[in-house]
Amino acid sequence: MNEQEFQTKLGDLIEQIAAIPEDQRAPLVALAEETKTRHERMKKTVADLQESLDYLRLSIKYLVFDLEATRRENDYLRKLISQQQGGEHNEE
Protein backbone atom coordinates (compact mmCIF):
# COMPACT_ATOMS: atom_id res chain seq x y z
CA MET A 1 0.00 0.00 0.00
CA ASN A 2 1.44 3.32 -1.02
CA GLU A 3 1.05 6.63 0.80
CA GLN A 4 -1.88 7.84 -1.28
CA GLU A 5 -3.83 4.60 -0.74
CA PHE A 6 -3.18 4.77 3.00
CA GLN A 7 -4.39 8.36 3.24
CA THR A 8 -7.48 7.54 1.15
CA LYS A 9 -8.39 4.51 3.28
CA LEU A 10 -7.75 6.42 6.50
CA GLY A 11 -10.00 9.23 5.27
CA ASP A 12 -12.69 6.70 4.36
CA LEU A 13 -12.39 5.13 7.80
CA ILE A 14 -12.76 8.50 9.52
CA GLU A 15 -15.87 9.22 7.41
CA GLN A 16 -17.35 5.85 8.38
CA ILE A 17 -16.56 6.51 12.05
CA ALA A 18 -18.41 9.83 11.78
CA ALA A 19 -21.57 7.89 10.91
CA ILE A 20 -21.41 5.84 14.13
CA PRO A 21 -23.35 7.00 17.19
CA GLU A 22 -21.38 9.49 19.23
CA ASP A 23 -21.06 7.34 22.34
CA GLN A 24 -19.25 4.67 20.28
CA ARG A 25 -17.36 7.12 18.10
CA ALA A 26 -14.76 8.53 20.56
CA PRO A 27 -12.63 5.38 21.00
CA LEU A 28 -12.61 4.73 17.25
CA VAL A 29 -11.61 8.32 16.46
CA ALA A 30 -8.81 8.01 19.01
CA LEU A 31 -7.61 4.79 17.35
CA ALA A 32 -7.73 6.37 13.89
CA GLU A 33 -5.74 9.38 15.11
CA GLU A 34 -3.22 7.10 16.82
CA THR A 35 -2.88 5.13 13.58
CA LYS A 36 -2.25 8.34 11.67
CA THR A 37 0.35 9.48 14.22
CA ARG A 38 2.13 6.13 14.15
CA HIS A 39 2.14 6.14 10.37
CA GLU A 40 3.73 9.60 10.32
CA ARG A 41 6.38 8.48 12.82
CA MET A 42 7.05 5.37 10.76
CA LYS A 43 7.45 7.47 7.60
CA LYS A 44 9.92 9.72 9.41
CA THR A 45 11.84 6.72 10.72
CA VAL A 46 12.05 5.19 7.25
CA ALA A 47 13.22 8.51 5.81
CA ASP A 48 15.87 8.80 8.54
CA LEU A 49 17.00 5.23 7.85
CA GLN A 50 17.22 5.97 4.13
CA GLU A 51 19.30 9.05 4.83
CA SER A 52 21.59 7.03 7.10
CA LEU A 53 22.00 4.36 4.43
CA ASP A 54 22.83 6.99 1.84
CA TYR A 55 25.47 8.45 4.16
CA LEU A 56 26.85 4.97 4.84
CA ARG A 57 27.09 4.25 1.10
CA LEU A 58 28.94 7.51 0.53
CA SER A 59 31.29 6.83 3.43
CA ILE A 60 32.07 3.38 2.07
CA LYS A 61 32.85 4.85 -1.35
CA TYR A 62 35.29 7.29 0.23
CA LEU A 63 36.89 4.50 2.26
CA VAL A 64 37.30 2.29 -0.82
CA PHE A 65 38.81 5.21 -2.72
CA ASP A 66 41.22 5.87 0.16
CA LEU A 67 42.13 2.18 0.37
CA GLU A 68 42.88 2.02 -3.36
CA ALA A 69 44.98 5.18 -3.16
CA THR A 70 46.90 3.77 -0.19
CA ARG A 71 47.56 0.53 -2.08
CA ARG A 72 48.86 2.48 -5.07
CA GLU A 73 51.12 4.54 -2.82
CA ASN A 74 52.40 1.40 -1.09
CA ASP A 75 53.18 -0.25 -4.44
CA TYR A 76 55.01 2.86 -5.59
CA LEU A 77 57.02 3.11 -2.38
CA ARG A 78 57.92 -0.60 -2.48
CA LYS A 79 59.23 -0.14 -6.01
CA LEU A 80 61.30 2.83 -4.89
CA ILE A 81 62.74 0.87 -1.98
CA SER A 82 63.54 -2.15 -4.13
CA GLN A 83 65.20 0.12 -6.72
CA GLN A 84 67.28 1.79 -4.00
CA GLN A 85 68.26 -1.55 -2.50
CA GLY A 86 69.14 -2.86 -5.95
CA GLY A 87 71.34 0.15 -6.54
CA GLU A 88 73.14 -0.31 -3.21
CA HIS A 89 73.93 -3.95 -4.03
CA ASN A 90 75.39 -2.93 -7.40
CA GLU A 91 77.72 -0.35 -5.77
CA GLU A 92 79.25 -2.91 -3.36
C-alpha atoms as a PDB file:
ATOM      1  CA  MET A   1       0.000   0.000   0.000  1.00  0.00           C
ATOM      2  CA  ASN A   2       1.442   3.321  -1.017  1.00  0.00           C
ATOM      3  CA  GLU A   3       1.050   6.626   0.797  1.00  0.00           C
ATOM      4  CA  GLN A   4      -1.881   7.841  -1.275  1.00  0.00           C
ATOM      5  CA  GLU A   5      -3.830   4.604  -0.742  1.00  0.00           C
ATOM      6  CA  PHE A   6      -3.181   4.768   2.998  1.00  0.00           C
ATOM      7  CA  GLN A   7      -4.394   8.363   3.238  1.00  0.00           C
ATOM      8  CA  THR A   8      -7.478   7.537   1.154  1.00  0.00           C
ATOM      9  CA  LYS A   9      -8.388   4.513   3.282  1.00  0.00           C
ATOM     10  CA  LEU A  10      -7.750   6.416   6.505  1.00  0.00           C
ATOM     11  CA  GLY A  11     -10.003   9.229   5.265  1.00  0.00           C
ATOM     12  CA  ASP A  12     -12.689   6.699   4.359  1.00  0.00           C
ATOM     13  CA  LEU A  13     -12.395   5.128   7.799  1.00  0.00           C
ATOM     14  CA  ILE A  14     -12.756   8.502   9.518  1.00  0.00           C
ATOM     15  CA  GLU A  15     -15.868   9.220   7.407  1.00  0.00           C
ATOM     16  CA  GLN A  16     -17.353   5.854   8.384  1.00  0.00           C
ATOM     17  CA  ILE A  17     -16.562   6.512  12.045  1.00  0.00           C
ATOM     18  CA  ALA A  18     -18.413   9.833  11.782  1.00  0.00           C
ATOM     19  CA  ALA A  19     -21.574   7.886  10.915  1.00  0.00           C
ATOM     20  CA  ILE A  20     -21.407   5.839  14.125  1.00  0.00           C
ATOM     21  CA  PRO A  21     -23.353   7.005  17.186  1.00  0.00           C
ATOM     22  CA  GLU A  22     -21.377   9.493  19.226  1.00  0.00           C
ATOM     23  CA  ASP A  23     -21.057   7.335  22.341  1.00  0.00           C
ATOM     24  CA  GLN A  24     -19.250   4.673  20.284  1.00  0.00           C
ATOM     25  CA  ARG A  25     -17.358   7.123  18.105  1.00  0.00           C
ATOM     26  CA  ALA A  26     -14.763   8.532  20.556  1.00  0.00           C
ATOM     27  CA  PRO A  27     -12.630   5.382  21.001  1.00  0.00           C
ATOM     28  CA  LEU A  28     -12.609   4.731  17.251  1.00  0.00           C
ATOM     29  CA  VAL A  29     -11.611   8.319  16.462  1.00  0.00           C
ATOM     30  CA  ALA A  30      -8.807   8.008  19.009  1.00  0.00           C
ATOM     31  CA  LEU A  31      -7.608   4.786  17.353  1.00  0.00           C
ATOM     32  CA  ALA A  32      -7.727   6.370  13.893  1.00  0.00           C
ATOM     33  CA  GLU A  33      -5.735   9.383  15.108  1.00  0.00           C
ATOM     34  CA  GLU A  34      -3.216   7.102  16.818  1.00  0.00           C
ATOM     35  CA  THR A  35      -2.877   5.129  13.580  1.00  0.00           C
ATOM     36  CA  LYS A  36      -2.251   8.344  11.665  1.00  0.00           C
ATOM     37  CA  THR A  37       0.351   9.479  14.216  1.00  0.00           C
ATOM     38  CA  ARG A  38       2.127   6.133  14.148  1.00  0.00           C
ATOM     39  CA  HIS A  39       2.140   6.142  10.366  1.00  0.00           C
ATOM     40  CA  GLU A  40       3.733   9.596  10.316  1.00  0.00           C
ATOM     41  CA  ARG A  41       6.385   8.477  12.820  1.00  0.00           C
ATOM     42  CA  MET A  42       7.051   5.366  10.763  1.00  0.00           C
ATOM     43  CA  LYS A  43       7.448   7.473   7.602  1.00  0.00           C
ATOM     44  CA  LYS A  44       9.921   9.722   9.407  1.00  0.00           C
ATOM     45  CA  THR A  45      11.842   6.723  10.717  1.00  0.00           C
ATOM     46  CA  VAL A  46      12.047   5.192   7.249  1.00  0.00           C
ATOM     47  CA  ALA A  47      13.223   8.510   5.806  1.00  0.00           C
ATOM     48  CA  ASP A  48      15.867   8.797   8.537  1.00  0.00           C
ATOM     49  CA  LEU A  49      17.003   5.231   7.846  1.00  0.00           C
ATOM     50  CA  GLN A  50      17.223   5.968   4.130  1.00  0.00           C
ATOM     51  CA  GLU A  51      19.304   9.051   4.834  1.00  0.00           C
ATOM     52  CA  SER A  52      21.593   7.032   7.102  1.00  0.00           C
ATOM     53  CA  LEU A  53      21.997   4.359   4.430  1.00  0.00           C
ATOM     54  CA  ASP A  54      22.833   6.995   1.837  1.00  0.00           C
ATOM     55  CA  TYR A  55      25.466   8.448   4.162  1.00  0.00           C
ATOM     56  CA  LEU A  56      26.854   4.973   4.839  1.00  0.00           C
ATOM     57  CA  ARG A  57      27.094   4.250   1.105  1.00  0.00           C
ATOM     58  CA  LEU A  58      28.937   7.507   0.526  1.00  0.00           C
ATOM     59  CA  SER A  59      31.293   6.827   3.430  1.00  0.00           C
ATOM     60  CA  ILE A  60      32.065   3.376   2.068  1.00  0.00           C
ATOM     61  CA  LYS A  61      32.846   4.848  -1.353  1.00  0.00           C
ATOM     62  CA  TYR A  62      35.295   7.287   0.230  1.00  0.00           C
ATOM     63  CA  LEU A  63      36.894   4.498   2.264  1.00  0.00           C
ATOM     64  CA  VAL A  64      37.296   2.292  -0.821  1.00  0.00           C
ATOM     65  CA  PHE A  65      38.807   5.212  -2.722  1.00  0.00           C
ATOM     66  CA  ASP A  66      41.217   5.875   0.156  1.00  0.00           C
ATOM     67  CA  LEU A  67      42.131   2.184   0.369  1.00  0.00           C
ATOM     68  CA  GLU A  68      42.878   2.016  -3.359  1.00  0.00           C
ATOM     69  CA  ALA A  69      44.984   5.183  -3.159  1.00  0.00           C
ATOM     70  CA  THR A  70      46.898   3.771  -0.187  1.00  0.00           C
ATOM     71  CA  ARG A  71      47.565   0.530  -2.078  1.00  0.00           C
ATOM     72  CA  ARG A  72      48.861   2.475  -5.071  1.00  0.00           C
ATOM     73  CA  GLU A  73      51.116   4.543  -2.822  1.00  0.00           C
ATOM     74  CA  ASN A  74      52.398   1.402  -1.090  1.00  0.00           C
ATOM     75  CA  ASP A  75      53.177  -0.250  -4.438  1.00  0.00           C
ATOM     76  CA  TYR A  76      55.007   2.860  -5.595  1.00  0.00           C
ATOM     77  CA  LEU A  77      57.020   3.112  -2.381  1.00  0.00           C
ATOM     78  CA  ARG A  78      57.918  -0.598  -2.482  1.00  0.00           C
ATOM     79  CA  LYS A  79      59.226  -0.144  -6.015  1.00  0.00           C
ATOM     80  CA  LEU A  80      61.298   2.834  -4.895  1.00  0.00           C
ATOM     81  CA  ILE A  81      62.736   0.873  -1.978  1.00  0.00           C
ATOM     82  CA  SER A  82      63.539  -2.145  -4.132  1.00  0.00           C
ATOM     83  CA  GLN A  83      65.203   0.118  -6.715  1.00  0.00           C
ATOM     84  CA  GLN A  84      67.278   1.792  -4.000  1.00  0.00           C
ATOM     85  CA  GLN A  85      68.260  -1.550  -2.500  1.00  0.00           C
ATOM     86  CA  GLY A  86      69.140  -2.859  -5.954  1.00  0.00           C
ATOM     87  CA  GLY A  87      71.345   0.153  -6.536  1.00  0.00           C
ATOM     88  CA  GLU A  88      73.136  -0.314  -3.210  1.00  0.00           C
ATOM     89  CA  HIS A  89      73.926  -3.949  -4.032  1.00  0.00           C
ATOM     90  CA  ASN A  90      75.386  -2.933  -7.403  1.00  0.00           C
ATOM     91  CA  GLU A  91      77.719  -0.349  -5.768  1.00  0.00           C
ATOM     92  CA  GLU A  92      79.253  -2.913  -3.362  1.00  0.00           C
END
